[in-house]
């Protein structure tokens, strides 16, 4: 069964979008941003929302295209979604090296 992307972010998840006008944020237009934010900064309800409302392939694509995940999050989801770590954007050696130059912690 094909999932239809949500048109709005539910009110209980608004707190994870403190830096944008969440009422104008359309998950259909910006699915990678929404998935990234909720899996990176969210709680269990946010994860449930993502898994219920976004196709698994769209979630996998997010990890393959977006660098804005921390290493722990990326490693967890690579195991959970069975994504080879070499395919996850934020785990690419060149990106990790650059990140360490800017933030050596």
Protein backbone atom coordinates (compact mmCIF):
# COMPACT_ATOMS: atom_id res chain seq x y z
CA UNK A 1 0.00 0.00 0.00
CA UNK A 2 1.42 3.35 -1.05
CA UNK A 3 1.69 5.98 1.69
CA UNK A 4 0.46 9.50 1.04
CA UNK A 5 2.80 12.07 2.51
CA UNK A 6 1.19 14.24 5.17
CA UNK A 7 0.26 17.81 4.26
CA UNK A 8 0.93 19.24 7.71
CA UNK A 9 3.03 18.63 10.78
CA UNK A 10 0.84 17.62 13.76
CA UNK A 11 0.72 20.11 16.61
CA UNK A 12 2.43 17.72 19.05
CA UNK A 13 5.54 17.82 16.80
CA UNK A 14 5.71 21.60 16.32
CA UNK A 15 8.33 21.98 19.05
CA UNK A 16 10.92 20.24 16.86
CA UNK A 17 10.61 22.96 14.22
CA UNK A 18 11.48 25.95 16.40
CA UNK A 19 13.44 27.68 13.63
CA UNK A 20 10.82 27.64 10.86
CA UNK A 21 7.17 28.64 10.50
CA UNK A 22 5.85 25.13 11.04
CA UNK A 23 2.31 26.10 10.01
CA UNK A 24 3.64 26.82 6.51
CA UNK A 25 5.94 23.79 6.36
CA UNK A 26 4.62 21.28 3.85
CA UNK A 27 6.06 17.76 4.39
CA UNK A 28 5.09 16.85 0.82
CA UNK A 29 7.28 19.64 -0.53
CA UNK A 30 10.19 19.20 1.94
CA UNK A 31 10.14 15.53 3.01
CA UNK A 32 13.91 15.25 3.51
CA UNK A 33 13.95 18.22 5.88
CA UNK A 34 11.01 16.91 7.91
CA UNK A 35 12.37 13.36 8.12
CA UNK A 36 15.83 14.61 9.06
CA UNK A 37 14.57 16.94 11.76
CA UNK A 38 12.24 14.41 13.36
CA UNK A 39 14.69 11.49 13.32
CA UNK A 40 17.60 13.65 14.49
CA UNK A 41 15.93 15.87 17.09
CA UNK A 42 12.62 14.15 17.79
CA UNK A 43 11.33 11.77 20.42
CA UNK A 44 9.58 8.40 20.09
CA UNK A 45 6.35 10.06 18.90
CA UNK A 46 8.31 11.84 16.16
CA UNK A 47 9.88 8.56 15.05
CA UNK A 48 6.47 6.88 14.99
CA UNK A 49 5.10 9.73 12.88
CA UNK A 50 7.92 9.37 10.36
CA UNK A 51 7.65 5.58 10.13
CA UNK A 52 3.86 5.72 9.78
CA UNK A 53 3.63 8.60 7.29
CA UNK A 54 6.68 8.36 5.03
CA UNK A 55 7.54 5.46 2.74
CA UNK A 56 10.57 3.48 3.84
CA UNK A 57 12.30 4.32 0.55
CA UNK A 58 11.89 8.08 1.20
CA UNK A 59 13.46 7.66 4.67
CA UNK A 60 16.36 5.72 3.15
CA UNK A 61 16.81 8.40 0.48
CA UNK A 62 17.02 11.01 3.24
CA UNK A 63 20.04 9.29 4.77
CA UNK A 64 21.63 8.94 1.35
CA UNK A 65 21.18 12.64 0.47
CA UNK A 66 21.25 14.69 3.69
CA UNK A 67 24.44 15.27 5.70
CA UNK A 68 22.76 16.78 8.73
CA UNK A 69 22.65 13.65 10.87
CA UNK A 70 25.07 12.93 13.67
CA UNK A 71 27.13 9.75 13.49
CA UNK A 72 25.22 7.90 16.22
CA UNK A 73 21.87 8.58 14.57
CA UNK A 74 23.23 7.53 11.17
CA UNK A 75 24.72 4.29 12.52
CA UNK A 76 21.49 3.35 14.30
CA UNK A 77 19.28 3.97 11.27
CA UNK A 78 21.73 2.24 8.93
CA UNK A 79 21.24 -0.92 11.01
CA UNK A 80 17.48 -0.45 11.44
CA UNK A 81 16.83 0.28 7.75
CA UNK A 82 19.60 -2.00 6.45
CA UNK A 83 21.38 0.80 4.59
CA UNK A 84 25.06 0.13 3.89
CA UNK A 85 27.05 2.72 5.85
CA UNK A 86 29.08 3.61 2.77
CA UNK A 87 25.84 4.92 1.21
CA UNK A 88 24.98 7.28 4.08
CA UNK A 89 25.95 10.85 3.21
CA UNK A 90 27.01 12.01 6.69
CA UNK A 91 29.29 8.97 7.11
CA UNK A 92 31.33 9.62 3.98
CA UNK A 93 35.02 9.86 4.93
CA UNK A 94 35.49 13.22 3.21
CA UNK A 95 32.56 14.72 5.11
CA UNK A 96 33.68 13.29 8.46
CA UNK A 97 37.17 14.69 7.94
CA UNK A 98 35.81 18.15 7.09
CA UNK A 99 33.47 18.03 10.09
CA UNK A 100 36.35 17.22 12.43
CA UNK A 101 38.30 20.22 11.12
CA UNK A 102 35.43 22.54 12.00
CA UNK A 103 34.28 20.86 15.21
CA UNK A 104 36.98 18.58 16.68
CA UNK A 105 34.79 16.95 19.37
